[in-house]
Amino acid sequence: MEKKELGREDVIEALKEIAFGRVNRGVELTYLSEPTAQLIRKMDLSAVAEFKRNANGTVEVKFVDRVKALSALYEMLGTGDANEAAEFLEALEQAGEERDDWRP
């Protein structure tokens, strides 16, 4: 199988997912007493950076740093003109609002 070469647009799309991703599934995972691998594979955990469950039942979830993701997006967009960056950030904001309106 040939590996796909990642481009600038792929990186921007991934950063957009991190910056505007929802944390619902990460929180839901904390409430599952015995999550199965099959269930976890179906969950969108892109906003989760780290998950720990201790033997005594303590759960620790660390989410991705959205500020760093937004900063990286800003840096990537800094190579274009001001109008292009503003249009892109507006589109990202609208995409984030659309994601917030969606409920599973």
N, C-alpha and C. Protein backbone atom coordinates (compact mmCIF):
# COMPACT_ATOMS: atom_id res chain seq x y z
N MET A 1 0.83 -1.17 0.00
CA MET A 1 0.00 0.00 0.00
C MET A 1 0.88 1.24 0.00
N GLU A 2 0.58 2.17 -0.87
CA GLU A 2 1.37 3.39 -1.01
C GLU A 2 0.89 4.44 -0.01
N LYS A 3 1.85 5.10 0.64
CA LYS A 3 1.51 6.15 1.59
C LYS A 3 1.15 7.42 0.85
N LYS A 4 0.09 8.08 1.35
CA LYS A 4 -0.32 9.35 0.76
C LYS A 4 0.55 10.46 1.33
N GLU A 5 1.05 11.30 0.46
CA GLU A 5 1.85 12.43 0.90
C GLU A 5 0.91 13.52 1.42
N LEU A 6 1.18 13.99 2.63
CA LEU A 6 0.35 15.02 3.21
C LEU A 6 0.75 16.39 2.70
N GLY A 7 -0.25 17.18 2.42
CA GLY A 7 0.00 18.54 1.95
C GLY A 7 -0.48 19.57 2.95
N ARG A 8 -0.31 20.80 2.59
CA ARG A 8 -0.69 21.93 3.46
C ARG A 8 -2.18 21.88 3.81
N GLU A 9 -3.01 21.58 2.84
CA GLU A 9 -4.46 21.53 3.08
C GLU A 9 -4.83 20.41 4.05
N ASP A 10 -4.11 19.29 3.99
CA ASP A 10 -4.36 18.19 4.93
C ASP A 10 -4.05 18.62 6.36
N VAL A 11 -2.95 19.34 6.52
CA VAL A 11 -2.54 19.81 7.84
C VAL A 11 -3.55 20.83 8.35
N ILE A 12 -3.98 21.73 7.50
CA ILE A 12 -4.97 22.73 7.89
C ILE A 12 -6.27 22.05 8.32
N GLU A 13 -6.70 21.05 7.59
CA GLU A 13 -7.93 20.32 7.93
C GLU A 13 -7.79 19.62 9.28
N ALA A 14 -6.65 19.01 9.54
CA ALA A 14 -6.42 18.34 10.82
C ALA A 14 -6.41 19.35 11.97
N LEU A 15 -5.76 20.47 11.76
CA LEU A 15 -5.74 21.51 12.79
C LEU A 15 -7.13 22.07 13.04
N LYS A 16 -7.92 22.17 12.00
CA LYS A 16 -9.30 22.63 12.14
C LYS A 16 -10.10 21.66 13.01
N GLU A 17 -9.91 20.38 12.79
CA GLU A 17 -10.60 19.37 13.60
C GLU A 17 -10.20 19.48 15.07
N ILE A 18 -8.91 19.70 15.31
CA ILE A 18 -8.43 19.84 16.69
C ILE A 18 -8.99 21.11 17.33
N ALA A 19 -8.93 22.21 16.60
CA ALA A 19 -9.34 23.50 17.15
C ALA A 19 -10.83 23.58 17.43
N PHE A 20 -11.64 22.91 16.61
CA PHE A 20 -13.08 23.04 16.74
C PHE A 20 -13.79 21.72 17.06
N GLY A 21 -13.02 20.68 17.37
CA GLY A 21 -13.60 19.39 17.68
C GLY A 21 -14.39 19.42 18.98
N ARG A 22 -15.30 18.50 19.10
CA ARG A 22 -16.15 18.41 20.29
C ARG A 22 -15.53 17.45 21.30
N VAL A 23 -15.75 17.72 22.56
CA VAL A 23 -15.20 16.88 23.63
C VAL A 23 -16.22 15.92 24.20
N ASN A 24 -17.43 15.91 23.67
CA ASN A 24 -18.51 15.08 24.21
C ASN A 24 -18.13 13.62 24.39
N ARG A 25 -17.54 13.03 23.37
CA ARG A 25 -17.22 11.59 23.44
C ARG A 25 -16.13 11.31 24.47
N GLY A 26 -15.20 12.23 24.65
CA GLY A 26 -14.18 12.06 25.68
C GLY A 26 -14.79 12.06 27.07
N VAL A 27 -15.75 12.93 27.27
CA VAL A 27 -16.45 12.98 28.57
C VAL A 27 -17.30 11.73 28.73
N GLU A 28 -17.98 11.31 27.68
CA GLU A 28 -18.81 10.11 27.73
C GLU A 28 -17.97 8.89 28.11
N LEU A 29 -16.77 8.81 27.59
CA LEU A 29 -15.88 7.69 27.87
C LEU A 29 -15.59 7.57 29.36
N THR A 30 -15.53 8.68 30.06
CA THR A 30 -15.24 8.64 31.51
C THR A 30 -16.35 7.97 32.29
N TYR A 31 -17.58 8.00 31.76
CA TYR A 31 -18.72 7.43 32.47
C TYR A 31 -18.95 5.95 32.17
N LEU A 32 -18.27 5.43 31.17
CA LEU A 32 -18.42 4.01 30.83
C LEU A 32 -17.61 3.17 31.81
N SER A 33 -18.28 2.25 32.49
CA SER A 33 -17.57 1.45 33.49
C SER A 33 -16.68 0.40 32.84
N GLU A 34 -17.14 -0.20 31.76
CA GLU A 34 -16.34 -1.22 31.07
C GLU A 34 -16.41 -1.00 29.55
N PRO A 35 -15.69 -0.02 29.05
CA PRO A 35 -15.74 0.23 27.59
C PRO A 35 -15.05 -0.89 26.82
N THR A 36 -15.65 -1.26 25.71
CA THR A 36 -15.05 -2.29 24.86
C THR A 36 -14.22 -1.62 23.76
N ALA A 37 -13.29 -2.35 23.22
CA ALA A 37 -12.46 -1.83 22.13
C ALA A 37 -13.33 -1.46 20.94
N GLN A 38 -14.35 -2.25 20.67
CA GLN A 38 -15.25 -1.99 19.55
C GLN A 38 -15.98 -0.65 19.74
N LEU A 39 -16.46 -0.40 20.95
CA LEU A 39 -17.16 0.86 21.24
C LEU A 39 -16.20 2.05 21.13
N ILE A 40 -15.01 1.90 21.66
CA ILE A 40 -14.02 2.98 21.62
C ILE A 40 -13.65 3.33 20.18
N ARG A 41 -13.51 2.32 19.32
CA ARG A 41 -13.17 2.57 17.91
C ARG A 41 -14.24 3.39 17.20
N LYS A 42 -15.49 3.28 17.64
CA LYS A 42 -16.59 4.00 17.02
C LYS A 42 -16.70 5.45 17.50
N MET A 43 -16.03 5.78 18.59
CA MET A 43 -16.14 7.12 19.18
C MET A 43 -15.16 8.09 18.52
N ASP A 44 -15.60 9.32 18.35
CA ASP A 44 -14.71 10.37 17.85
C ASP A 44 -13.95 10.93 19.05
N LEU A 45 -12.73 10.50 19.23
CA LEU A 45 -11.90 10.93 20.35
C LEU A 45 -10.77 11.84 19.88
N SER A 46 -10.98 12.53 18.78
CA SER A 46 -9.94 13.39 18.23
C SER A 46 -9.59 14.55 19.16
N ALA A 47 -10.48 14.92 20.07
CA ALA A 47 -10.20 16.01 21.00
C ALA A 47 -9.48 15.52 22.26
N VAL A 48 -9.31 14.21 22.40
CA VAL A 48 -8.67 13.65 23.59
C VAL A 48 -7.18 13.44 23.32
N ALA A 49 -6.36 14.04 24.18
CA ALA A 49 -4.92 13.88 24.06
C ALA A 49 -4.43 12.70 24.89
N GLU A 50 -5.07 12.50 26.04
CA GLU A 50 -4.63 11.44 26.96
C GLU A 50 -5.82 10.99 27.81
N PHE A 51 -5.88 9.69 28.07
CA PHE A 51 -6.95 9.13 28.90
C PHE A 51 -6.35 8.09 29.82
N LYS A 52 -6.63 8.21 31.12
CA LYS A 52 -6.13 7.24 32.10
C LYS A 52 -7.26 6.84 33.04
N ARG A 53 -7.35 5.55 33.30
CA ARG A 53 -8.29 5.03 34.29
C ARG A 53 -7.48 4.14 35.24
N ASN A 54 -7.43 4.54 36.51
CA ASN A 54 -6.68 3.79 37.52
C ASN A 54 -7.51 2.64 38.06
N ALA A 55 -6.85 1.71 38.72
CA ALA A 55 -7.52 0.55 39.29
C ALA A 55 -8.57 0.94 40.34
N ASN A 56 -8.35 2.07 41.01
CA ASN A 56 -9.30 2.51 42.04
C ASN A 56 -10.49 3.27 41.46
N GLY A 57 -10.56 3.38 40.12
CA GLY A 57 -11.69 4.02 39.48
C GLY A 57 -11.49 5.48 39.11
N THR A 58 -10.37 6.05 39.48
CA THR A 58 -10.09 7.44 39.14
C THR A 58 -9.85 7.56 37.64
N VAL A 59 -10.44 8.59 37.05
CA VAL A 59 -10.30 8.81 35.61
C VAL A 59 -9.69 10.18 35.38
N GLU A 60 -8.73 10.23 34.45
CA GLU A 60 -8.10 11.49 34.08
C GLU A 60 -8.15 11.63 32.57
N VAL A 61 -8.69 12.75 32.10
CA VAL A 61 -8.76 13.02 30.67
C VAL A 61 -8.06 14.34 30.40
N LYS A 62 -7.17 14.32 29.44
CA LYS A 62 -6.53 15.54 28.98
C LYS A 62 -6.96 15.77 27.54
N PHE A 63 -7.45 16.96 27.29
CA PHE A 63 -7.89 17.29 25.95
C PHE A 63 -6.79 18.05 25.21
N VAL A 64 -6.87 18.04 23.89
CA VAL A 64 -5.88 18.74 23.08
C VAL A 64 -5.95 20.23 23.38
N ASP A 65 -4.86 20.91 23.14
CA ASP A 65 -4.77 22.34 23.39
C ASP A 65 -5.29 23.09 22.17
N ARG A 66 -6.49 23.62 22.28
CA ARG A 66 -7.11 24.32 21.16
C ARG A 66 -6.37 25.62 20.82
N VAL A 67 -5.84 26.27 21.84
CA VAL A 67 -5.12 27.52 21.60
C VAL A 67 -3.89 27.26 20.73
N LYS A 68 -3.18 26.18 21.02
CA LYS A 68 -2.01 25.84 20.20
C LYS A 68 -2.42 25.51 18.77
N ALA A 69 -3.54 24.80 18.63
CA ALA A 69 -4.03 24.47 17.29
C ALA A 69 -4.40 25.74 16.52
N LEU A 70 -5.08 26.66 17.18
CA LEU A 70 -5.45 27.92 16.53
C LEU A 70 -4.20 28.73 16.19
N SER A 71 -3.23 28.70 17.08
CA SER A 71 -1.98 29.42 16.83
C SER A 71 -1.26 28.84 15.61
N ALA A 72 -1.24 27.52 15.53
CA ALA A 72 -0.61 26.86 14.38
C ALA A 72 -1.36 27.20 13.09
N LEU A 73 -2.69 27.23 13.16
CA LEU A 73 -3.49 27.62 11.99
C LEU A 73 -3.15 29.05 11.57
N TYR A 74 -3.05 29.92 12.55
CA TYR A 74 -2.74 31.32 12.26
C TYR A 74 -1.37 31.43 11.59
N GLU A 75 -0.41 30.68 12.11
CA GLU A 75 0.94 30.70 11.53
C GLU A 75 0.91 30.20 10.09
N MET A 76 0.17 29.14 9.84
CA MET A 76 0.10 28.59 8.49
C MET A 76 -0.57 29.56 7.54
N LEU A 77 -1.53 30.29 8.05
CA LEU A 77 -2.26 31.23 7.22
C LEU A 77 -1.51 32.54 7.06
N GLY A 78 -0.49 32.76 7.87
CA GLY A 78 0.28 33.99 7.82
C GLY A 78 1.02 34.17 6.52
N THR A 79 1.18 33.11 5.74
CA THR A 79 1.89 33.21 4.47
C THR A 79 1.02 33.80 3.37
N GLY A 80 -0.31 33.83 3.58
CA GLY A 80 -1.21 34.39 2.58
C GLY A 80 -1.46 35.86 2.87
N ASP A 81 -2.29 36.48 2.06
CA ASP A 81 -2.61 37.89 2.33
C ASP A 81 -3.65 37.98 3.45
N ALA A 82 -3.86 39.16 3.98
CA ALA A 82 -4.74 39.37 5.12
C ALA A 82 -6.18 38.97 4.80
N ASN A 83 -6.66 39.26 3.60
CA ASN A 83 -8.02 38.90 3.22
C ASN A 83 -8.22 37.40 3.17
N GLU A 84 -7.24 36.70 2.64
CA GLU A 84 -7.31 35.24 2.56
C GLU A 84 -7.39 34.63 3.96
N ALA A 85 -6.56 35.10 4.88
CA ALA A 85 -6.57 34.60 6.25
C ALA A 85 -7.88 34.90 6.93
N ALA A 86 -8.40 36.11 6.76
CA ALA A 86 -9.66 36.50 7.38
C ALA A 86 -10.81 35.64 6.85
N GLU A 87 -10.84 35.40 5.55
CA GLU A 87 -11.87 34.55 4.96
C GLU A 87 -11.78 33.13 5.50
N PHE A 88 -10.56 32.63 5.62
CA PHE A 88 -10.39 31.26 6.11
C PHE A 88 -10.84 31.15 7.57
N LEU A 89 -10.44 32.11 8.40
CA LEU A 89 -10.84 32.08 9.81
C LEU A 89 -12.35 32.21 9.96
N GLU A 90 -12.98 33.00 9.10
CA GLU A 90 -14.44 33.12 9.12
C GLU A 90 -15.08 31.78 8.76
N ALA A 91 -14.53 31.11 7.76
CA ALA A 91 -15.04 29.80 7.37
C ALA A 91 -14.86 28.79 8.50
N LEU A 92 -13.73 28.84 9.19
CA LEU A 92 -13.51 27.95 10.33
C LEU A 92 -14.53 28.21 11.43
N GLU A 93 -14.79 29.49 11.69
CA GLU A 93 -15.75 29.84 12.72
C GLU A 93 -17.14 29.32 12.37
N GLN A 94 -17.53 29.47 11.12
CA GLN A 94 -18.83 28.98 10.67
C GLN A 94 -18.89 27.46 10.77
N ALA A 95 -17.81 26.79 10.43
CA ALA A 95 -17.77 25.33 10.54
C ALA A 95 -17.92 24.91 11.99
N GLY A 96 -17.29 25.64 12.90
CA GLY A 96 -17.41 25.34 14.32
C GLY A 96 -18.83 25.53 14.81
N GLU A 97 -19.51 26.58 14.34
CA GLU A 97 -20.89 26.82 14.73
C GLU A 97 -21.79 25.72 14.20
N GLU A 98 -21.56 25.27 12.98
CA GLU A 98 -22.35 24.19 12.41
C GLU A 98 -22.17 22.91 13.21
N ARG A 99 -20.95 22.63 13.66
CA ARG A 99 -20.69 21.44 14.47
C ARG A 99 -21.41 21.53 15.80
N ASP A 100 -21.48 22.74 16.38
CA ASP A 100 -22.15 22.93 17.66
C ASP A 100 -23.66 22.71 17.54
N ASP A 101 -24.20 23.01 16.37
CA ASP A 101 -25.64 22.84 16.15
C ASP A 101 -26.02 21.38 16.01
N TRP A 102 -25.08 20.56 15.60
CA TRP A 102 -25.35 19.14 15.40
C TRP A 102 -25.37 18.41 16.72
N ARG A 103 -26.36 17.61 16.93
CA ARG A 103 -26.45 16.80 18.15
C ARG A 103 -26.65 15.34 17.74
N PRO A 104 -25.86 14.43 18.35
CA PRO A 104 -26.00 13.00 17.98
C PRO A 104 -27.30 12.44 18.47
